[in-house]
N, C-alpha and C. Protein backbone atom coordinates (compact mmCIF):
# COMPACT_ATOMS: atom_id res chain seq x y z
N MET A 1 0.82 -1.18 0.00
CA MET A 1 0.00 0.00 0.00
C MET A 1 0.87 1.25 0.00
N ILE A 2 1.98 1.21 0.68
CA ILE A 2 2.87 2.36 0.74
C ILE A 2 3.47 2.64 -0.63
N THR A 3 3.71 1.61 -1.41
CA THR A 3 4.29 1.81 -2.73
C THR A 3 3.31 2.47 -3.69
N ALA A 4 2.03 2.43 -3.40
CA ALA A 4 1.01 3.02 -4.27
C ALA A 4 0.75 4.49 -3.96
N ILE A 5 1.44 5.04 -2.97
CA ILE A 5 1.19 6.43 -2.59
C ILE A 5 1.49 7.38 -3.74
N GLY A 6 2.53 7.09 -4.51
CA GLY A 6 2.86 7.95 -5.65
C GLY A 6 1.72 8.02 -6.65
N GLY A 7 1.10 6.90 -6.92
CA GLY A 7 -0.04 6.88 -7.83
C GLY A 7 -1.22 7.65 -7.28
N TRP A 8 -1.47 7.52 -5.97
CA TRP A 8 -2.57 8.25 -5.35
C TRP A 8 -2.31 9.75 -5.40
N ILE A 9 -1.07 10.15 -5.15
CA ILE A 9 -0.74 11.58 -5.16
C ILE A 9 -0.86 12.13 -6.58
N LEU A 10 -0.39 11.38 -7.56
CA LEU A 10 -0.49 11.83 -8.95
C LEU A 10 -1.95 11.94 -9.38
N THR A 11 -2.77 11.00 -8.97
CA THR A 11 -4.20 11.06 -9.29
C THR A 11 -4.85 12.25 -8.62
N MET A 12 -4.48 12.51 -7.36
CA MET A 12 -5.04 13.66 -6.64
C MET A 12 -4.63 14.96 -7.32
N ARG A 13 -3.39 15.04 -7.77
CA ARG A 13 -2.91 16.24 -8.46
C ARG A 13 -3.70 16.47 -9.75
N ASN A 14 -3.89 15.41 -10.53
CA ASN A 14 -4.64 15.54 -11.77
C ASN A 14 -6.10 15.91 -11.52
N ASN A 15 -6.70 15.32 -10.48
CA ASN A 15 -8.07 15.67 -10.13
C ASN A 15 -8.17 17.13 -9.70
N MET A 16 -7.16 17.60 -8.96
CA MET A 16 -7.16 18.98 -8.48
C MET A 16 -7.02 19.95 -9.65
N ILE A 17 -6.15 19.63 -10.61
CA ILE A 17 -5.99 20.49 -11.78
C ILE A 17 -7.29 20.55 -12.58
N THR A 18 -7.95 19.43 -12.74
CA THR A 18 -9.22 19.39 -13.46
C THR A 18 -10.29 20.19 -12.71
N THR A 19 -10.33 20.03 -11.39
CA THR A 19 -11.34 20.71 -10.59
C THR A 19 -11.11 22.22 -10.57
N LEU A 20 -9.85 22.64 -10.53
CA LEU A 20 -9.57 24.08 -10.50
C LEU A 20 -9.95 24.78 -11.79
N ALA A 21 -10.15 24.03 -12.87
CA ALA A 21 -10.57 24.62 -14.14
C ALA A 21 -12.08 24.70 -14.28
N GLU A 22 -12.81 24.26 -13.26
CA GLU A 22 -14.27 24.27 -13.32
C GLU A 22 -14.82 25.69 -13.17
N ASP A 23 -16.05 25.88 -13.63
CA ASP A 23 -16.67 27.20 -13.61
C ASP A 23 -16.94 27.69 -12.19
N TYR A 24 -17.34 26.80 -11.29
CA TYR A 24 -17.66 27.25 -9.93
C TYR A 24 -16.41 27.75 -9.19
N VAL A 25 -15.24 27.24 -9.55
CA VAL A 25 -14.01 27.74 -8.93
C VAL A 25 -13.71 29.13 -9.49
N ARG A 26 -13.90 29.32 -10.77
CA ARG A 26 -13.71 30.65 -11.36
C ARG A 26 -14.68 31.66 -10.75
N MET A 27 -15.90 31.22 -10.51
CA MET A 27 -16.89 32.10 -9.90
C MET A 27 -16.49 32.45 -8.47
N ALA A 28 -15.96 31.48 -7.73
CA ALA A 28 -15.51 31.76 -6.37
C ALA A 28 -14.36 32.76 -6.37
N ARG A 29 -13.44 32.63 -7.33
CA ARG A 29 -12.34 33.59 -7.44
C ARG A 29 -12.87 34.98 -7.79
N ALA A 30 -13.88 35.02 -8.66
CA ALA A 30 -14.45 36.31 -9.05
C ALA A 30 -15.17 36.98 -7.88
N LYS A 31 -15.72 36.18 -6.97
CA LYS A 31 -16.37 36.73 -5.79
C LYS A 31 -15.37 37.27 -4.77
N GLY A 32 -14.11 36.90 -4.93
CA GLY A 32 -13.08 37.38 -4.00
C GLY A 32 -12.84 36.47 -2.82
N ILE A 33 -13.27 35.23 -2.92
CA ILE A 33 -13.02 34.26 -1.85
C ILE A 33 -11.53 33.96 -1.82
N PRO A 34 -10.93 33.88 -0.63
CA PRO A 34 -9.48 33.63 -0.54
C PRO A 34 -9.09 32.28 -1.18
N ASN A 35 -7.88 32.26 -1.76
CA ASN A 35 -7.41 31.05 -2.45
C ASN A 35 -7.37 29.83 -1.54
N ARG A 36 -7.00 30.02 -0.28
CA ARG A 36 -6.93 28.89 0.66
C ARG A 36 -8.31 28.24 0.84
N ARG A 37 -9.33 29.07 0.96
CA ARG A 37 -10.68 28.53 1.13
C ARG A 37 -11.16 27.84 -0.16
N ILE A 38 -10.79 28.41 -1.30
CA ILE A 38 -11.16 27.78 -2.58
C ILE A 38 -10.47 26.42 -2.72
N MET A 39 -9.19 26.37 -2.37
CA MET A 39 -8.42 25.12 -2.52
C MET A 39 -8.96 24.01 -1.62
N PHE A 40 -9.23 24.35 -0.36
CA PHE A 40 -9.65 23.30 0.58
C PHE A 40 -11.16 23.12 0.63
N GLY A 41 -11.91 24.22 0.58
CA GLY A 41 -13.35 24.13 0.73
C GLY A 41 -14.09 23.74 -0.53
N TYR A 42 -13.62 24.22 -1.66
CA TYR A 42 -14.33 23.97 -2.91
C TYR A 42 -13.66 22.87 -3.73
N ALA A 43 -12.44 23.13 -4.17
CA ALA A 43 -11.77 22.22 -5.10
C ALA A 43 -11.26 20.96 -4.40
N GLY A 44 -10.71 21.11 -3.23
CA GLY A 44 -10.12 19.95 -2.53
C GLY A 44 -11.12 18.86 -2.23
N ARG A 45 -12.29 19.25 -1.77
CA ARG A 45 -13.32 18.25 -1.44
C ARG A 45 -13.76 17.49 -2.68
N ASN A 46 -13.96 18.20 -3.78
CA ASN A 46 -14.42 17.52 -4.99
C ASN A 46 -13.31 16.72 -5.66
N ALA A 47 -12.07 17.14 -5.52
CA ALA A 47 -10.97 16.38 -6.12
C ALA A 47 -10.64 15.14 -5.30
N PHE A 48 -10.97 15.16 -4.02
CA PHE A 48 -10.65 14.04 -3.14
C PHE A 48 -11.62 12.87 -3.28
N LEU A 49 -12.82 13.13 -3.75
CA LEU A 49 -13.86 12.08 -3.80
C LEU A 49 -13.49 10.88 -4.67
N PRO A 50 -12.94 11.05 -5.88
CA PRO A 50 -12.55 9.85 -6.64
C PRO A 50 -11.44 9.05 -5.96
N ASN A 51 -10.52 9.72 -5.30
CA ASN A 51 -9.46 9.01 -4.59
C ASN A 51 -10.02 8.23 -3.41
N LEU A 52 -10.99 8.79 -2.73
CA LEU A 52 -11.61 8.10 -1.60
C LEU A 52 -12.28 6.81 -2.05
N SER A 53 -13.00 6.87 -3.14
CA SER A 53 -13.67 5.68 -3.66
C SER A 53 -12.66 4.62 -4.11
N GLY A 54 -11.62 5.05 -4.79
CA GLY A 54 -10.59 4.12 -5.24
C GLY A 54 -9.85 3.49 -4.09
N PHE A 55 -9.61 4.26 -3.03
CA PHE A 55 -8.92 3.74 -1.86
C PHE A 55 -9.75 2.67 -1.16
N ALA A 56 -11.04 2.90 -1.05
CA ALA A 56 -11.90 1.91 -0.40
C ALA A 56 -11.96 0.62 -1.20
N MET A 57 -11.94 0.73 -2.52
CA MET A 57 -12.02 -0.47 -3.34
C MET A 57 -10.70 -1.24 -3.40
N SER A 58 -9.60 -0.59 -3.07
CA SER A 58 -8.31 -1.27 -3.13
C SER A 58 -7.96 -2.00 -1.84
N LEU A 59 -8.89 -2.11 -0.93
CA LEU A 59 -8.61 -2.80 0.33
C LEU A 59 -8.28 -4.27 0.11
N GLY A 60 -8.81 -4.88 -0.92
CA GLY A 60 -8.50 -6.28 -1.21
C GLY A 60 -7.03 -6.48 -1.52
N PHE A 61 -6.39 -5.47 -2.12
CA PHE A 61 -4.96 -5.57 -2.41
C PHE A 61 -4.13 -5.51 -1.13
N VAL A 62 -4.65 -4.88 -0.11
CA VAL A 62 -3.94 -4.84 1.17
C VAL A 62 -3.83 -6.25 1.75
N ILE A 63 -4.90 -7.01 1.68
CA ILE A 63 -4.89 -8.38 2.18
C ILE A 63 -3.92 -9.23 1.37
N SER A 64 -3.91 -9.06 0.05
CA SER A 64 -2.99 -9.86 -0.76
C SER A 64 -1.54 -9.49 -0.47
N GLY A 65 -1.27 -8.25 -0.12
CA GLY A 65 0.09 -7.85 0.25
C GLY A 65 0.51 -8.42 1.59
N THR A 66 -0.45 -8.63 2.48
CA THR A 66 -0.09 -9.18 3.79
C THR A 66 0.29 -10.65 3.70
N ILE A 67 -0.17 -11.34 2.67
CA ILE A 67 0.19 -12.75 2.53
C ILE A 67 1.70 -12.89 2.41
N LEU A 68 2.31 -12.09 1.57
CA LEU A 68 3.76 -12.15 1.38
C LEU A 68 4.51 -11.74 2.64
N VAL A 69 4.09 -10.64 3.25
CA VAL A 69 4.78 -10.14 4.44
C VAL A 69 4.68 -11.14 5.59
N GLU A 70 3.50 -11.69 5.81
CA GLU A 70 3.32 -12.63 6.91
C GLU A 70 4.04 -13.95 6.66
N TYR A 71 4.15 -14.35 5.40
CA TYR A 71 4.88 -15.58 5.11
C TYR A 71 6.38 -15.37 5.30
N VAL A 72 6.91 -14.25 4.84
CA VAL A 72 8.34 -13.99 4.96
C VAL A 72 8.76 -13.87 6.43
N PHE A 73 7.97 -13.16 7.24
CA PHE A 73 8.33 -12.94 8.63
C PHE A 73 7.70 -13.95 9.59
N ASN A 74 7.02 -14.97 9.04
CA ASN A 74 6.42 -16.03 9.83
C ASN A 74 5.51 -15.46 10.93
N TYR A 75 4.70 -14.50 10.53
CA TYR A 75 3.78 -13.84 11.44
C TYR A 75 2.39 -14.44 11.28
N PRO A 76 1.79 -14.95 12.36
CA PRO A 76 0.48 -15.60 12.22
C PRO A 76 -0.65 -14.58 12.09
N GLY A 77 -1.16 -14.41 10.89
CA GLY A 77 -2.26 -13.50 10.63
C GLY A 77 -3.14 -14.06 9.53
N LEU A 78 -4.00 -13.22 8.97
CA LEU A 78 -4.90 -13.69 7.92
C LEU A 78 -4.15 -14.10 6.66
N GLY A 79 -3.10 -13.36 6.31
CA GLY A 79 -2.33 -13.72 5.13
C GLY A 79 -1.65 -15.07 5.28
N TYR A 80 -1.08 -15.31 6.45
CA TYR A 80 -0.43 -16.59 6.71
C TYR A 80 -1.46 -17.72 6.71
N MET A 81 -2.66 -17.41 7.23
CA MET A 81 -3.73 -18.41 7.24
C MET A 81 -4.18 -18.71 5.80
N PHE A 82 -4.24 -17.69 4.95
CA PHE A 82 -4.53 -17.89 3.53
C PHE A 82 -3.51 -18.83 2.90
N TYR A 83 -2.25 -18.56 3.16
CA TYR A 83 -1.18 -19.37 2.58
C TYR A 83 -1.28 -20.82 3.04
N ASN A 84 -1.43 -21.03 4.35
CA ASN A 84 -1.51 -22.39 4.87
C ASN A 84 -2.75 -23.13 4.35
N ALA A 85 -3.86 -22.41 4.23
CA ALA A 85 -5.08 -23.06 3.71
C ALA A 85 -4.91 -23.42 2.24
N THR A 86 -4.18 -22.61 1.49
CA THR A 86 -3.93 -22.91 0.08
C THR A 86 -3.01 -24.11 -0.08
N VAL A 87 -1.95 -24.14 0.72
CA VAL A 87 -0.99 -25.24 0.63
C VAL A 87 -1.63 -26.56 1.05
N SER A 88 -2.45 -26.52 2.09
CA SER A 88 -3.08 -27.76 2.58
C SER A 88 -4.43 -28.04 1.93
N THR A 89 -4.82 -27.26 0.93
CA THR A 89 -6.10 -27.38 0.21
C THR A 89 -7.29 -27.48 1.17
N ASP A 90 -7.33 -26.57 2.12
CA ASP A 90 -8.44 -26.49 3.08
C ASP A 90 -9.50 -25.56 2.50
N TYR A 91 -10.37 -26.10 1.66
CA TYR A 91 -11.34 -25.29 0.94
C TYR A 91 -12.36 -24.60 1.84
N PRO A 92 -12.88 -25.23 2.89
CA PRO A 92 -13.81 -24.49 3.75
C PRO A 92 -13.17 -23.27 4.41
N LEU A 93 -11.90 -23.40 4.84
CA LEU A 93 -11.21 -22.25 5.44
C LEU A 93 -10.97 -21.17 4.39
N LEU A 94 -10.59 -21.56 3.17
CA LEU A 94 -10.41 -20.59 2.10
C LEU A 94 -11.71 -19.84 1.80
N GLN A 95 -12.83 -20.56 1.77
CA GLN A 95 -14.12 -19.90 1.53
C GLN A 95 -14.45 -18.90 2.64
N ALA A 96 -14.19 -19.29 3.87
CA ALA A 96 -14.46 -18.39 4.99
C ALA A 96 -13.56 -17.16 4.93
N LEU A 97 -12.30 -17.35 4.57
CA LEU A 97 -11.38 -16.21 4.47
C LEU A 97 -11.76 -15.28 3.31
N PHE A 98 -12.14 -15.86 2.18
CA PHE A 98 -12.59 -15.02 1.07
C PHE A 98 -13.87 -14.27 1.44
N LEU A 99 -14.76 -14.90 2.17
CA LEU A 99 -15.97 -14.23 2.62
C LEU A 99 -15.62 -13.08 3.56
N LEU A 100 -14.66 -13.30 4.45
CA LEU A 100 -14.23 -12.26 5.38
C LEU A 100 -13.63 -11.06 4.64
N VAL A 101 -12.78 -11.33 3.66
CA VAL A 101 -12.17 -10.24 2.88
C VAL A 101 -13.25 -9.52 2.08
N THR A 102 -14.18 -10.25 1.49
CA THR A 102 -15.26 -9.64 0.73
C THR A 102 -16.11 -8.74 1.61
N LEU A 103 -16.45 -9.21 2.80
CA LEU A 103 -17.23 -8.39 3.73
C LEU A 103 -16.47 -7.15 4.15
N ALA A 104 -15.16 -7.28 4.37
CA ALA A 104 -14.35 -6.12 4.75
C ALA A 104 -14.34 -5.08 3.64
N VAL A 105 -14.19 -5.52 2.40
CA VAL A 105 -14.19 -4.59 1.27
C VAL A 105 -15.56 -3.94 1.12
N LEU A 106 -16.62 -4.72 1.25
CA LEU A 106 -17.97 -4.17 1.13
C LEU A 106 -18.27 -3.15 2.23
N ILE A 107 -17.83 -3.42 3.44
CA ILE A 107 -18.04 -2.47 4.54
C ILE A 107 -17.25 -1.19 4.29
N CYS A 108 -16.03 -1.31 3.79
CA CYS A 108 -15.24 -0.12 3.48
C CYS A 108 -15.87 0.70 2.36
N VAL A 109 -16.41 0.04 1.35
CA VAL A 109 -17.07 0.76 0.26
C VAL A 109 -18.34 1.43 0.77
N LEU A 110 -19.07 0.78 1.68
CA LEU A 110 -20.26 1.38 2.26
C LEU A 110 -19.90 2.61 3.09
N LEU A 111 -18.85 2.51 3.90
CA LEU A 111 -18.39 3.67 4.67
C LEU A 111 -17.93 4.79 3.75
N CYS A 112 -17.31 4.42 2.64
CA CYS A 112 -16.89 5.41 1.65
C CYS A 112 -18.10 6.10 1.04
N ASP A 113 -19.15 5.36 0.77
CA ASP A 113 -20.37 5.96 0.23
C ASP A 113 -20.99 6.95 1.22
N PHE A 114 -20.97 6.61 2.50
CA PHE A 114 -21.46 7.55 3.52
C PHE A 114 -20.59 8.80 3.57
N ALA A 115 -19.28 8.62 3.45
CA ALA A 115 -18.38 9.78 3.46
C ALA A 115 -18.61 10.66 2.24
N VAL A 116 -18.84 10.05 1.09
CA VAL A 116 -19.14 10.83 -0.12
C VAL A 116 -20.45 11.58 0.07
N PHE A 117 -21.42 10.95 0.69
CA PHE A 117 -22.70 11.61 0.95
C PHE A 117 -22.51 12.83 1.84
N LEU A 118 -21.62 12.72 2.82
CA LEU A 118 -21.38 13.85 3.72
C LEU A 118 -20.54 14.94 3.07
N LEU A 119 -19.58 14.57 2.23
CA LEU A 119 -18.67 15.54 1.64
C LEU A 119 -19.21 16.20 0.38
N ASP A 120 -20.01 15.51 -0.38
CA ASP A 120 -20.45 16.02 -1.68
C ASP A 120 -21.89 16.53 -1.58
N PRO A 121 -22.07 17.83 -1.72
CA PRO A 121 -23.45 18.35 -1.65
C PRO A 121 -24.32 17.89 -2.81
N ARG A 122 -23.71 17.51 -3.92
CA ARG A 122 -24.50 17.04 -5.06
C ARG A 122 -25.17 15.71 -4.75
N ALA A 123 -24.58 14.91 -3.89
CA ALA A 123 -25.15 13.62 -3.54
C ALA A 123 -26.36 13.77 -2.61
N ARG A 124 -26.49 14.89 -1.96
CA ARG A 124 -27.59 15.11 -1.03
C ARG A 124 -28.82 15.73 -1.65
N THR A 125 -28.70 16.19 -2.88
CA THR A 125 -29.85 16.85 -3.50
C THR A 125 -30.85 15.82 -3.98
N LYS A 126 -32.12 16.15 -3.89
CA LYS A 126 -33.19 15.26 -4.33
C LYS A 126 -33.56 15.64 -5.75
N GLY A 127 -33.92 14.64 -6.51
CA GLY A 127 -34.44 14.94 -7.82
C GLY A 127 -33.61 14.35 -8.88
């Protein structure tokens, strides 16, 4: 996950550049709103939303990364349990672990949807 920070930062930069070119940001500048408030209050919130959704969906990759780390350092965790269940062909344990990872990803995506609802005023409008 740490190695992907560069990609997340580059995506955030590109989203911010795209958002700063929007009409509502130009209107905020024309109204005389300070640049700091425009960057964090207007553009930053809208540029952050795609990264938040992508981060929640990439939680499955975190589990796959722990398999290697836990195997190398002989640390008993979910990744090590995945590895041992695969080697010993313990299919019921593998199914339970996949269900656990799937539920964790779904819960993170649901929490992300609630965060988007709170951060994005467009998601709260009816109609």
